[in-house]
Amino acid sequence: MSIAQAKRFTLDEYHRLGELGFFHEDDHIELINGEIIEMASKGTAHETCLRNLLRELPKLVGDRATLQSQAPIALPPNSKPEPDFAILQNRDDNYLFGHPQAADVLLVMEASDSSLGYDQDVKIPLYAKAGIADYWIFNLFDKYLEAYSEPYQHTQGKSGYLNKRIILSNQAIKFSCLPDLSLDLVRVFPPKLNF
């Protein structure tokens, strides 16, 4: 007797579905471990955090790296997450000829309210397995930043980060990818959360 299994998609198959018009432009989806995931709707605290980051990050990073927001990162063979923000290495083609891959990524950032468990339980092993050095979660429930670094892959196939730091919303954090820069979290976290 065979047990039914869900179809898992590769990056190529996912791209082909897009080319065939299977997805609509306003669909909020991403490919994670071969599964097409509909992303959670964003609350007002999440959107405010994103607007604050959109104001602060370009001033800090300037032309020293490439910023992208809610755009794909290709993680072969079967993931294409779209994090809230990513800081990427500059590339001559500005990624015109292909989405960034793990080797291009300096830092990934997610603002998390309703997606907090998903960003911790699914995205941490995904980004760590890909070798992305730094992953930040702006935890809007607890009002602090979770900064993950030093990815590892255990011999049993589990992946994660060796270091987790908590930075309070009234503190600042240095970028390990641009160590002379720091982000003042007071300027990022919404002053009052309404859930």
N, C-alpha and C. Protein backbone atom coordinates (compact mmCIF):
# COMPACT_ATOMS: atom_id res chain seq x y z
N MET A 1 0.85 -1.19 0.00
CA MET A 1 0.00 0.00 0.00
C MET A 1 0.89 1.24 0.00
N SER A 2 0.65 2.17 -0.91
CA SER A 2 1.46 3.38 -0.94
C SER A 2 0.76 4.52 -0.20
N ILE A 3 1.56 5.36 0.38
CA ILE A 3 1.03 6.51 1.11
C ILE A 3 1.16 7.74 0.21
N ALA A 4 0.10 8.51 0.12
CA ALA A 4 0.13 9.72 -0.72
C ALA A 4 1.10 10.73 -0.13
N GLN A 5 1.82 11.41 -1.01
CA GLN A 5 2.75 12.45 -0.58
C GLN A 5 2.46 13.73 -1.34
N ALA A 6 2.71 14.83 -0.70
CA ALA A 6 2.55 16.13 -1.36
C ALA A 6 3.67 16.29 -2.39
N LYS A 7 3.37 16.94 -3.50
CA LYS A 7 4.37 17.21 -4.53
C LYS A 7 5.28 18.33 -4.05
N ARG A 8 6.57 18.10 -4.09
CA ARG A 8 7.54 19.13 -3.77
C ARG A 8 8.14 19.64 -5.07
N PHE A 9 8.32 20.94 -5.16
CA PHE A 9 8.79 21.57 -6.38
C PHE A 9 10.26 21.95 -6.28
N THR A 10 10.97 21.83 -7.38
CA THR A 10 12.33 22.36 -7.48
C THR A 10 12.24 23.83 -7.87
N LEU A 11 13.35 24.53 -7.82
CA LEU A 11 13.37 25.92 -8.27
C LEU A 11 12.97 26.03 -9.73
N ASP A 12 13.47 25.13 -10.57
CA ASP A 12 13.11 25.16 -11.99
C ASP A 12 11.62 24.97 -12.21
N GLU A 13 11.03 24.02 -11.51
CA GLU A 13 9.59 23.79 -11.64
C GLU A 13 8.78 24.99 -11.16
N TYR A 14 9.22 25.59 -10.07
CA TYR A 14 8.56 26.78 -9.52
C TYR A 14 8.62 27.93 -10.53
N HIS A 15 9.79 28.14 -11.15
CA HIS A 15 9.92 29.18 -12.16
C HIS A 15 9.01 28.90 -13.35
N ARG A 16 8.92 27.63 -13.74
CA ARG A 16 8.08 27.25 -14.89
C ARG A 16 6.61 27.55 -14.59
N LEU A 17 6.17 27.26 -13.37
CA LEU A 17 4.79 27.59 -12.99
C LEU A 17 4.52 29.08 -13.13
N GLY A 18 5.50 29.89 -12.73
CA GLY A 18 5.37 31.34 -12.89
C GLY A 18 5.27 31.74 -14.34
N GLU A 19 6.12 31.14 -15.19
CA GLU A 19 6.10 31.44 -16.62
C GLU A 19 4.78 31.06 -17.26
N LEU A 20 4.16 30.00 -16.76
CA LEU A 20 2.88 29.53 -17.31
C LEU A 20 1.68 30.34 -16.80
N GLY A 21 1.94 31.30 -15.91
CA GLY A 21 0.86 32.14 -15.39
C GLY A 21 0.08 31.51 -14.26
N PHE A 22 0.66 30.50 -13.63
CA PHE A 22 -0.01 29.82 -12.51
C PHE A 22 -0.21 30.76 -11.32
N PHE A 23 0.74 31.68 -11.13
CA PHE A 23 0.66 32.63 -10.02
C PHE A 23 0.19 33.99 -10.53
N HIS A 24 -0.47 34.72 -9.66
CA HIS A 24 -0.87 36.09 -9.98
C HIS A 24 0.14 37.05 -9.39
N GLU A 25 0.26 38.21 -9.99
CA GLU A 25 1.25 39.20 -9.54
C GLU A 25 1.07 39.59 -8.08
N ASP A 26 -0.16 39.59 -7.59
CA ASP A 26 -0.40 40.00 -6.21
C ASP A 26 -0.42 38.83 -5.22
N ASP A 27 -0.08 37.62 -5.69
CA ASP A 27 0.05 36.47 -4.78
C ASP A 27 1.26 36.69 -3.87
N HIS A 28 1.09 36.46 -2.59
CA HIS A 28 2.19 36.59 -1.64
C HIS A 28 2.63 35.18 -1.25
N ILE A 29 3.52 34.64 -2.08
CA ILE A 29 3.96 33.26 -1.89
C ILE A 29 5.48 33.18 -1.92
N GLU A 30 6.00 32.09 -1.41
CA GLU A 30 7.42 31.78 -1.52
C GLU A 30 7.58 30.27 -1.53
N LEU A 31 8.68 29.82 -2.10
CA LEU A 31 8.98 28.39 -2.16
C LEU A 31 9.93 28.06 -1.02
N ILE A 32 9.50 27.18 -0.12
CA ILE A 32 10.30 26.81 1.04
C ILE A 32 10.37 25.29 1.10
N ASN A 33 11.58 24.75 0.98
CA ASN A 33 11.80 23.30 1.04
C ASN A 33 10.86 22.55 0.09
N GLY A 34 10.66 23.13 -1.09
CA GLY A 34 9.85 22.48 -2.11
C GLY A 34 8.36 22.74 -2.02
N GLU A 35 7.91 23.39 -0.97
CA GLU A 35 6.49 23.68 -0.79
C GLU A 35 6.19 25.13 -1.11
N ILE A 36 5.07 25.37 -1.79
CA ILE A 36 4.64 26.74 -2.09
C ILE A 36 3.84 27.23 -0.88
N ILE A 37 4.37 28.24 -0.22
CA ILE A 37 3.80 28.73 1.03
C ILE A 37 3.16 30.10 0.79
N GLU A 38 1.92 30.24 1.24
CA GLU A 38 1.28 31.54 1.20
C GLU A 38 1.70 32.30 2.45
N MET A 39 2.25 33.48 2.24
CA MET A 39 2.78 34.25 3.36
C MET A 39 1.65 34.91 4.13
N ALA A 40 1.85 35.02 5.45
CA ALA A 40 0.84 35.60 6.33
C ALA A 40 0.64 37.08 6.02
N SER A 41 -0.58 37.54 6.26
CA SER A 41 -0.83 38.97 6.08
C SER A 41 -0.09 39.74 7.17
N LYS A 42 0.22 40.97 6.86
CA LYS A 42 1.04 41.78 7.75
C LYS A 42 0.17 42.73 8.56
N GLY A 43 0.43 42.81 9.85
CA GLY A 43 -0.27 43.73 10.72
C GLY A 43 0.33 45.13 10.63
N THR A 44 -0.28 46.07 11.31
CA THR A 44 0.20 47.46 11.25
C THR A 44 1.58 47.61 11.89
N ALA A 45 1.86 46.86 12.97
CA ALA A 45 3.19 46.95 13.60
C ALA A 45 4.26 46.45 12.63
N HIS A 46 3.95 45.38 11.91
CA HIS A 46 4.88 44.82 10.93
C HIS A 46 5.17 45.85 9.84
N GLU A 47 4.13 46.43 9.29
CA GLU A 47 4.30 47.43 8.22
C GLU A 47 5.06 48.66 8.71
N THR A 48 4.80 49.08 9.95
CA THR A 48 5.52 50.24 10.50
C THR A 48 7.00 49.92 10.67
N CYS A 49 7.29 48.72 11.15
CA CYS A 49 8.69 48.29 11.28
C CYS A 49 9.37 48.30 9.92
N LEU A 50 8.70 47.79 8.89
CA LEU A 50 9.27 47.79 7.54
C LEU A 50 9.50 49.20 7.02
N ARG A 51 8.54 50.09 7.24
CA ARG A 51 8.72 51.49 6.81
C ARG A 51 9.92 52.12 7.51
N ASN A 52 10.07 51.83 8.80
CA ASN A 52 11.20 52.37 9.55
C ASN A 52 12.53 51.83 9.02
N LEU A 53 12.57 50.54 8.72
CA LEU A 53 13.78 49.95 8.14
C LEU A 53 14.06 50.54 6.76
N LEU A 54 13.01 50.76 5.99
CA LEU A 54 13.16 51.34 4.66
C LEU A 54 13.73 52.76 4.72
N ARG A 55 13.44 53.45 5.80
CA ARG A 55 14.00 54.79 5.99
C ARG A 55 15.44 54.73 6.49
N GLU A 56 15.74 53.82 7.41
CA GLU A 56 17.05 53.79 8.07
C GLU A 56 18.14 53.06 7.28
N LEU A 57 17.81 51.91 6.71
CA LEU A 57 18.85 51.08 6.08
C LEU A 57 19.55 51.76 4.91
N PRO A 58 18.83 52.41 3.98
CA PRO A 58 19.55 53.05 2.87
C PRO A 58 20.53 54.12 3.34
N LYS A 59 20.16 54.87 4.40
CA LYS A 59 21.07 55.91 4.92
C LYS A 59 22.35 55.28 5.47
N LEU A 60 22.21 54.14 6.14
CA LEU A 60 23.38 53.48 6.74
C LEU A 60 24.25 52.77 5.70
N VAL A 61 23.61 51.99 4.86
CA VAL A 61 24.35 51.12 3.94
C VAL A 61 24.89 51.89 2.74
N GLY A 62 24.11 52.86 2.25
CA GLY A 62 24.54 53.64 1.09
C GLY A 62 24.85 52.73 -0.09
N ASP A 63 25.99 52.98 -0.74
CA ASP A 63 26.37 52.16 -1.90
C ASP A 63 27.40 51.09 -1.54
N ARG A 64 27.59 50.84 -0.27
CA ARG A 64 28.57 49.84 0.17
C ARG A 64 28.07 48.41 -0.02
N ALA A 65 26.77 48.26 -0.14
CA ALA A 65 26.15 46.95 -0.37
C ALA A 65 24.83 47.20 -1.07
N THR A 66 24.16 46.13 -1.46
CA THR A 66 22.87 46.23 -2.14
C THR A 66 21.78 45.82 -1.18
N LEU A 67 20.76 46.64 -1.10
CA LEU A 67 19.59 46.34 -0.27
C LEU A 67 18.48 45.79 -1.15
N GLN A 68 17.75 44.82 -0.63
CA GLN A 68 16.53 44.41 -1.31
C GLN A 68 15.47 44.15 -0.26
N SER A 69 14.22 44.40 -0.64
CA SER A 69 13.10 44.24 0.27
C SER A 69 12.04 43.37 -0.36
N GLN A 70 11.65 42.32 0.37
CA GLN A 70 10.59 41.40 -0.05
C GLN A 70 10.80 40.90 -1.48
N ALA A 71 12.05 40.53 -1.75
CA ALA A 71 12.45 40.01 -3.06
C ALA A 71 13.15 38.67 -2.86
N PRO A 72 13.14 37.81 -3.87
CA PRO A 72 13.61 36.44 -3.70
C PRO A 72 15.12 36.28 -3.55
N ILE A 73 15.46 35.23 -2.82
CA ILE A 73 16.82 34.71 -2.74
C ILE A 73 16.72 33.24 -3.17
N ALA A 74 17.49 32.84 -4.16
CA ALA A 74 17.45 31.47 -4.65
C ALA A 74 18.35 30.58 -3.80
N LEU A 75 17.76 29.57 -3.18
CA LEU A 75 18.50 28.62 -2.35
C LEU A 75 18.26 27.22 -2.91
N PRO A 76 19.07 26.82 -3.92
CA PRO A 76 18.89 25.50 -4.53
C PRO A 76 18.98 24.40 -3.48
N PRO A 77 18.27 23.29 -3.68
CA PRO A 77 17.55 22.95 -4.91
C PRO A 77 16.08 23.37 -4.90
N ASN A 78 15.51 23.73 -3.72
CA ASN A 78 14.06 23.87 -3.71
C ASN A 78 13.51 24.96 -2.79
N SER A 79 14.24 26.06 -2.64
CA SER A 79 13.73 27.15 -1.81
C SER A 79 14.00 28.50 -2.46
N LYS A 80 13.04 29.38 -2.30
CA LYS A 80 13.17 30.74 -2.82
C LYS A 80 12.41 31.68 -1.87
N PRO A 81 12.98 31.89 -0.67
CA PRO A 81 12.31 32.77 0.28
C PRO A 81 12.36 34.22 -0.18
N GLU A 82 11.45 35.02 0.36
CA GLU A 82 11.41 36.45 0.07
C GLU A 82 11.41 37.20 1.40
N PRO A 83 12.59 37.31 2.03
CA PRO A 83 12.65 37.97 3.34
C PRO A 83 12.28 39.44 3.26
N ASP A 84 11.90 39.98 4.40
CA ASP A 84 11.52 41.39 4.44
C ASP A 84 12.65 42.28 3.94
N PHE A 85 13.87 42.03 4.37
CA PHE A 85 15.04 42.77 3.88
C PHE A 85 16.22 41.83 3.79
N ALA A 86 17.11 42.14 2.86
CA ALA A 86 18.40 41.44 2.77
C ALA A 86 19.44 42.46 2.37
N ILE A 87 20.62 42.33 2.96
CA ILE A 87 21.78 43.11 2.54
C ILE A 87 22.66 42.15 1.75
N LEU A 88 22.95 42.54 0.51
CA LEU A 88 23.67 41.69 -0.43
C LEU A 88 25.00 42.32 -0.81
N GLN A 89 25.92 41.49 -1.26
CA GLN A 89 27.14 42.01 -1.85
C GLN A 89 26.78 42.74 -3.13
N ASN A 90 27.46 43.83 -3.40
CA ASN A 90 27.25 44.51 -4.68
C ASN A 90 27.70 43.59 -5.80
N ARG A 91 26.99 43.65 -6.91
CA ARG A 91 27.35 42.86 -8.08
C ARG A 91 27.21 43.76 -9.31
N ASP A 92 28.12 43.61 -10.27
CA ASP A 92 28.14 44.48 -11.45
C ASP A 92 26.80 44.54 -12.17
N ASP A 93 26.10 43.41 -12.26
CA ASP A 93 24.83 43.39 -12.99
C ASP A 93 23.63 43.77 -12.11
N ASN A 94 23.88 44.12 -10.84
CA ASN A 94 22.81 44.48 -9.90
C ASN A 94 21.72 43.39 -9.88
N TYR A 95 22.15 42.13 -10.04
CA TYR A 95 21.29 40.95 -9.99
C TYR A 95 20.28 40.88 -11.13
N LEU A 96 20.56 41.55 -12.23
CA LEU A 96 19.70 41.50 -13.41
C LEU A 96 19.66 40.09 -14.01
N PHE A 97 20.79 39.37 -13.96
CA PHE A 97 20.88 38.08 -14.63
C PHE A 97 20.62 36.89 -13.71
N GLY A 98 20.15 37.14 -12.53
CA GLY A 98 19.81 36.05 -11.63
C GLY A 98 19.58 36.55 -10.22
N HIS A 99 18.62 35.91 -9.55
CA HIS A 99 18.35 36.28 -8.16
C HIS A 99 19.58 36.01 -7.30
N PRO A 100 19.75 36.75 -6.22
CA PRO A 100 20.86 36.47 -5.31
C PRO A 100 20.77 35.04 -4.78
N GLN A 101 21.94 34.49 -4.52
CA GLN A 101 22.02 33.17 -3.89
C GLN A 101 22.70 33.35 -2.54
N ALA A 102 22.81 32.29 -1.78
CA ALA A 102 23.32 32.37 -0.41
C ALA A 102 24.69 33.05 -0.34
N ALA A 103 25.56 32.78 -1.29
CA ALA A 103 26.91 33.37 -1.27
C ALA A 103 26.88 34.89 -1.43
N ASP A 104 25.80 35.43 -1.97
CA ASP A 104 25.66 36.88 -2.16
C ASP A 104 25.13 37.58 -0.92
N VAL A 105 24.55 36.83 0.00
CA VAL A 105 23.80 37.40 1.12
C VAL A 105 24.72 37.68 2.30
N LEU A 106 24.69 38.92 2.77
CA LEU A 106 25.44 39.31 3.96
C LEU A 106 24.58 39.22 5.21
N LEU A 107 23.29 39.55 5.08
CA LEU A 107 22.38 39.57 6.23
C LEU A 107 20.95 39.46 5.71
N VAL A 108 20.15 38.64 6.39
CA VAL A 108 18.72 38.53 6.11
C VAL A 108 17.96 39.03 7.33
N MET A 109 16.86 39.77 7.08
CA MET A 109 16.06 40.34 8.17
C MET A 109 14.59 40.04 7.94
N GLU A 110 13.92 39.64 9.01
CA GLU A 110 12.48 39.46 8.99
C GLU A 110 11.87 40.26 10.14
N ALA A 111 10.78 40.96 9.86
CA ALA A 111 9.96 41.56 10.91
C ALA A 111 8.86 40.55 11.21
N SER A 112 8.67 40.21 12.47
CA SER A 112 7.79 39.09 12.80
C SER A 112 6.76 39.46 13.84
N ASP A 113 5.51 39.32 13.45
CA ASP A 113 4.41 39.35 14.40
C ASP A 113 3.68 38.02 14.28
N SER A 114 2.71 37.91 13.38
CA SER A 114 2.00 36.64 13.22
C SER A 114 2.89 35.53 12.67
N SER A 115 4.00 35.87 12.03
CA SER A 115 4.89 34.87 11.42
C SER A 115 6.06 34.48 12.33
N LEU A 116 6.05 34.89 13.59
CA LEU A 116 7.21 34.67 14.46
C LEU A 116 7.60 33.20 14.55
N GLY A 117 6.67 32.32 14.84
CA GLY A 117 7.00 30.89 14.95
C GLY A 117 7.57 30.34 13.66
N TYR A 118 7.00 30.74 12.54
CA TYR A 118 7.48 30.30 11.24
C TYR A 118 8.90 30.81 10.97
N ASP A 119 9.15 32.08 11.29
CA ASP A 119 10.47 32.67 11.06
C ASP A 119 11.53 32.02 11.95
N GLN A 120 11.12 31.55 13.13
CA GLN A 120 12.06 30.87 14.02
C GLN A 120 12.22 29.38 13.65
N ASP A 121 11.12 28.70 13.45
CA ASP A 121 11.17 27.23 13.29
C ASP A 121 11.52 26.78 11.88
N VAL A 122 11.13 27.54 10.87
CA VAL A 122 11.37 27.14 9.48
C VAL A 122 12.52 27.92 8.86
N LYS A 123 12.54 29.23 9.06
CA LYS A 123 13.55 30.06 8.39
C LYS A 123 14.94 29.91 9.00
N ILE A 124 15.04 29.72 10.31
CA ILE A 124 16.37 29.55 10.92
C ILE A 124 17.10 28.36 10.29
N PRO A 125 16.52 27.15 10.27
CA PRO A 125 17.26 26.05 9.65
C PRO A 125 17.47 26.24 8.15
N LEU A 126 16.52 26.88 7.47
CA LEU A 126 16.65 27.12 6.03
C LEU A 126 17.86 28.00 5.73
N TYR A 127 17.94 29.15 6.40
CA TYR A 127 19.04 30.08 6.16
C TYR A 127 20.37 29.51 6.65
N ALA A 128 20.35 28.82 7.79
CA ALA A 128 21.59 28.24 8.32
C ALA A 128 22.12 27.16 7.39
N LYS A 129 21.24 26.30 6.89
CA LYS A 129 21.67 25.24 5.98
C LYS A 129 22.29 25.82 4.71
N ALA A 130 21.76 26.95 4.26
CA ALA A 130 22.30 27.61 3.07
C ALA A 130 23.63 28.30 3.34
N GLY A 131 24.00 28.44 4.63
CA GLY A 131 25.26 29.09 4.98
C GLY A 131 25.17 30.60 5.08
N ILE A 132 23.97 31.14 5.21
CA ILE A 132 23.81 32.59 5.38
C ILE A 132 24.30 32.95 6.77
N ALA A 133 25.30 33.83 6.83
CA ALA A 133 26.05 34.08 8.07
C ALA A 133 25.23 34.74 9.17
N ASP A 134 24.33 35.65 8.80
CA ASP A 134 23.60 36.41 9.81
C ASP A 134 22.12 36.51 9.46
N TYR A 135 21.29 36.31 10.47
CA TYR A 135 19.84 36.36 10.32
C TYR A 135 19.27 37.11 11.51
N TRP A 136 18.51 38.16 11.23
CA TRP A 136 17.89 38.96 12.29
C TRP A 136 16.39 38.82 12.21
N ILE A 137 15.77 38.64 13.39
CA ILE A 137 14.31 38.65 13.50
C ILE A 137 13.93 39.83 14.41
N PHE A 138 13.19 40.76 13.85
CA PHE A 138 12.63 41.86 14.64
C PHE A 138 11.36 41.31 15.28
N ASN A 139 11.49 40.83 16.52
CA ASN A 139 10.40 40.19 17.25
C ASN A 139 9.47 41.27 17.78
N LEU A 140 8.34 41.45 17.10
CA LEU A 140 7.42 42.53 17.43
C LEU A 140 6.53 42.20 18.62
N PHE A 141 6.43 40.91 19.00
CA PHE A 141 5.69 40.55 20.21
C PHE A 141 6.47 40.93 21.46
N ASP A 142 7.72 40.52 21.51
CA ASP A 142 8.55 40.75 22.69
C ASP A 142 9.32 42.05 22.61
N LYS A 143 9.26 42.71 21.47
CA LYS A 143 9.89 44.01 21.24
C LYS A 143 11.40 43.96 21.47
N TYR A 144 12.04 43.00 20.80
CA TYR A 144 13.49 42.94 20.78
C TYR A 144 13.94 42.28 19.48
N LEU A 145 15.22 42.44 19.20
CA LEU A 145 15.82 41.85 18.01
C LEU A 145 16.49 40.54 18.41
N GLU A 146 16.22 39.49 17.64
CA GLU A 146 16.93 38.22 17.79
C GLU A 146 17.97 38.18 16.68
N ALA A 147 19.24 38.20 17.04
CA ALA A 147 20.33 38.20 16.07
C ALA A 147 21.02 36.84 16.09
N TYR A 148 20.92 36.12 14.98
CA TYR A 148 21.50 34.78 14.86
C TYR A 148 22.75 34.86 14.00
N SER A 149 23.80 34.12 14.41
CA SER A 149 25.05 34.10 13.64
C SER A 149 25.72 32.74 13.79
N GLU A 150 26.70 32.51 12.95
CA GLU A 150 27.49 31.28 12.91
C GLU A 150 26.63 30.06 12.59
N PRO A 151 26.26 29.91 11.33
CA PRO A 151 25.44 28.76 10.93
C PRO A 151 26.22 27.45 11.07
N TYR A 152 25.49 26.40 11.38
CA TYR A 152 26.10 25.07 11.46
C TYR A 152 25.14 24.06 10.86
N GLN A 153 25.70 22.94 10.46
CA GLN A 153 24.88 21.80 10.05
C GLN A 153 25.36 20.60 10.83
N HIS A 154 24.47 20.02 11.62
CA HIS A 154 24.76 18.87 12.45
C HIS A 154 24.91 17.63 11.56
N THR A 155 25.66 16.67 12.04
CA THR A 155 25.88 15.45 11.26
C THR A 155 24.57 14.72 10.93
N GLN A 156 23.52 14.94 11.71
CA GLN A 156 22.23 14.31 11.45
C GLN A 156 21.36 15.14 10.51
N GLY A 157 21.96 16.18 9.90
CA GLY A 157 21.24 16.97 8.92
C GLY A 157 20.51 18.18 9.47
N LYS A 158 20.47 18.34 10.77
CA LYS A 158 19.81 19.52 11.35
C LYS A 158 20.72 20.73 11.18
N SER A 159 20.09 21.88 10.94
CA SER A 159 20.86 23.12 10.77
C SER A 159 20.33 24.17 11.73
N GLY A 160 21.19 25.08 12.09
CA GLY A 160 20.82 26.17 12.98
C GLY A 160 21.96 27.14 13.11
N TYR A 161 21.87 27.99 14.09
CA TYR A 161 22.91 28.98 14.36
C TYR A 161 23.48 28.73 15.75
N LEU A 162 24.80 28.82 15.86
CA LEU A 162 25.45 28.61 17.15
C LEU A 162 25.17 29.73 18.13
N ASN A 163 25.02 30.96 17.61
CA ASN A 163 24.85 32.11 18.48
C ASN A 163 23.50 32.79 18.27
N LYS A 164 22.86 33.09 19.39
CA LYS A 164 21.64 33.89 19.39
C LYS A 164 21.82 35.00 20.42
N ARG A 165 21.70 36.23 19.95
CA ARG A 165 21.80 37.39 20.85
C ARG A 165 20.45 38.10 20.86
N ILE A 166 20.09 38.61 22.02
CA ILE A 166 18.88 39.43 22.17
C ILE A 166 19.34 40.87 22.34
N ILE A 167 18.82 41.76 21.49
CA ILE A 167 19.13 43.18 21.58
C ILE A 167 17.81 43.89 21.82
N LEU A 168 17.73 44.61 22.93
CA LEU A 168 16.48 45.27 23.31
C LEU A 168 16.17 46.43 22.38
N SER A 169 14.91 46.81 22.33
CA SER A 169 14.45 47.83 21.39
C SER A 169 15.01 49.22 21.69
N ASN A 170 15.61 49.41 22.86
CA ASN A 170 16.22 50.71 23.18
C ASN A 170 17.75 50.66 23.03
N GLN A 171 18.26 49.63 22.37
CA GLN A 171 19.70 49.47 22.17
C GLN A 171 20.03 49.58 20.68
N ALA A 172 21.31 49.45 20.38
CA ALA A 172 21.77 49.47 18.99
C ALA A 172 22.53 48.17 18.72
N ILE A 173 22.60 47.80 17.45
CA ILE A 173 23.34 46.60 17.05
C ILE A 173 24.27 46.96 15.90
N LYS A 174 25.48 46.42 15.97
CA LYS A 174 26.44 46.59 14.88
C LYS A 174 26.17 45.55 13.81
N PHE A 175 26.39 45.93 12.56
CA PHE A 175 26.29 44.99 11.45
C PHE A 175 27.61 44.23 11.37
N SER A 176 27.59 42.91 11.45
CA SER A 176 28.85 42.18 11.33
C SER A 176 29.39 42.29 9.91
N CYS A 177 28.52 42.47 8.92
CA CYS A 177 28.97 42.59 7.53
C CYS A 177 29.55 43.98 7.23
N LEU A 178 29.18 44.97 8.00
CA LEU A 178 29.70 46.35 7.88
C LEU A 178 29.96 46.84 9.30
N PRO A 179 31.04 46.38 9.93
CA PRO A 179 31.23 46.53 11.37
C PRO A 179 31.35 47.96 11.88
N ASP A 180 31.59 48.91 10.99
CA ASP A 180 31.65 50.30 11.45
C ASP A 180 30.26 50.94 11.52
N LEU A 181 29.23 50.20 11.15
CA LEU A 181 27.86 50.72 11.16
C LEU A 181 27.04 50.04 12.24
N SER A 182 26.12 50.81 12.82
CA SER A 182 25.19 50.22 13.78
C SER A 182 23.79 50.79 13.55
N LEU A 183 22.81 49.99 13.90
CA LEU A 183 21.41 50.35 13.73
C LEU A 183 20.81 50.60 15.11
N ASP A 184 20.26 51.80 15.30
CA ASP A 184 19.59 52.17 16.55
C ASP A 184 18.17 51.61 16.48
N LEU A 185 17.88 50.64 17.34
CA LEU A 185 16.59 49.95 17.26
C LEU A 185 15.42 50.82 17.69
N VAL A 186 15.68 51.89 18.43
CA VAL A 186 14.61 52.84 18.78
C VAL A 186 13.99 53.41 17.51
N ARG A 187 14.79 53.52 16.47
CA ARG A 187 14.33 54.09 15.21
C ARG A 187 13.62 53.06 14.32
N VAL A 188 13.59 51.79 14.78
CA VAL A 188 13.00 50.71 13.98
C VAL A 188 11.71 50.18 14.59
N PHE A 189 11.74 49.84 15.87
CA PHE A 189 10.56 49.25 16.50
C PHE A 189 9.47 50.29 16.66
N PRO A 190 8.22 49.92 16.37
CA PRO A 190 7.12 50.85 16.60
C PRO A 190 7.04 51.19 18.08
N PRO A 191 6.70 52.44 18.43
CA PRO A 191 6.70 52.85 19.83
C PRO A 191 5.66 52.13 20.68
N LYS A 192 4.51 51.80 20.08
CA LYS A 192 3.47 51.09 20.82
C LYS A 192 2.85 50.06 19.90
N LEU A 193 2.73 48.84 20.38
CA LEU A 193 2.18 47.77 19.55
C LEU A 193 0.73 47.54 19.91
N ASN A 194 -0.10 47.41 18.91
CA ASN A 194 -1.51 47.11 19.11
C ASN A 194 -1.84 45.80 18.40
N PHE A 195 -1.92 44.73 19.16
CA PHE A 195 -2.25 43.42 18.57
C PHE A 195 -3.69 43.08 18.92
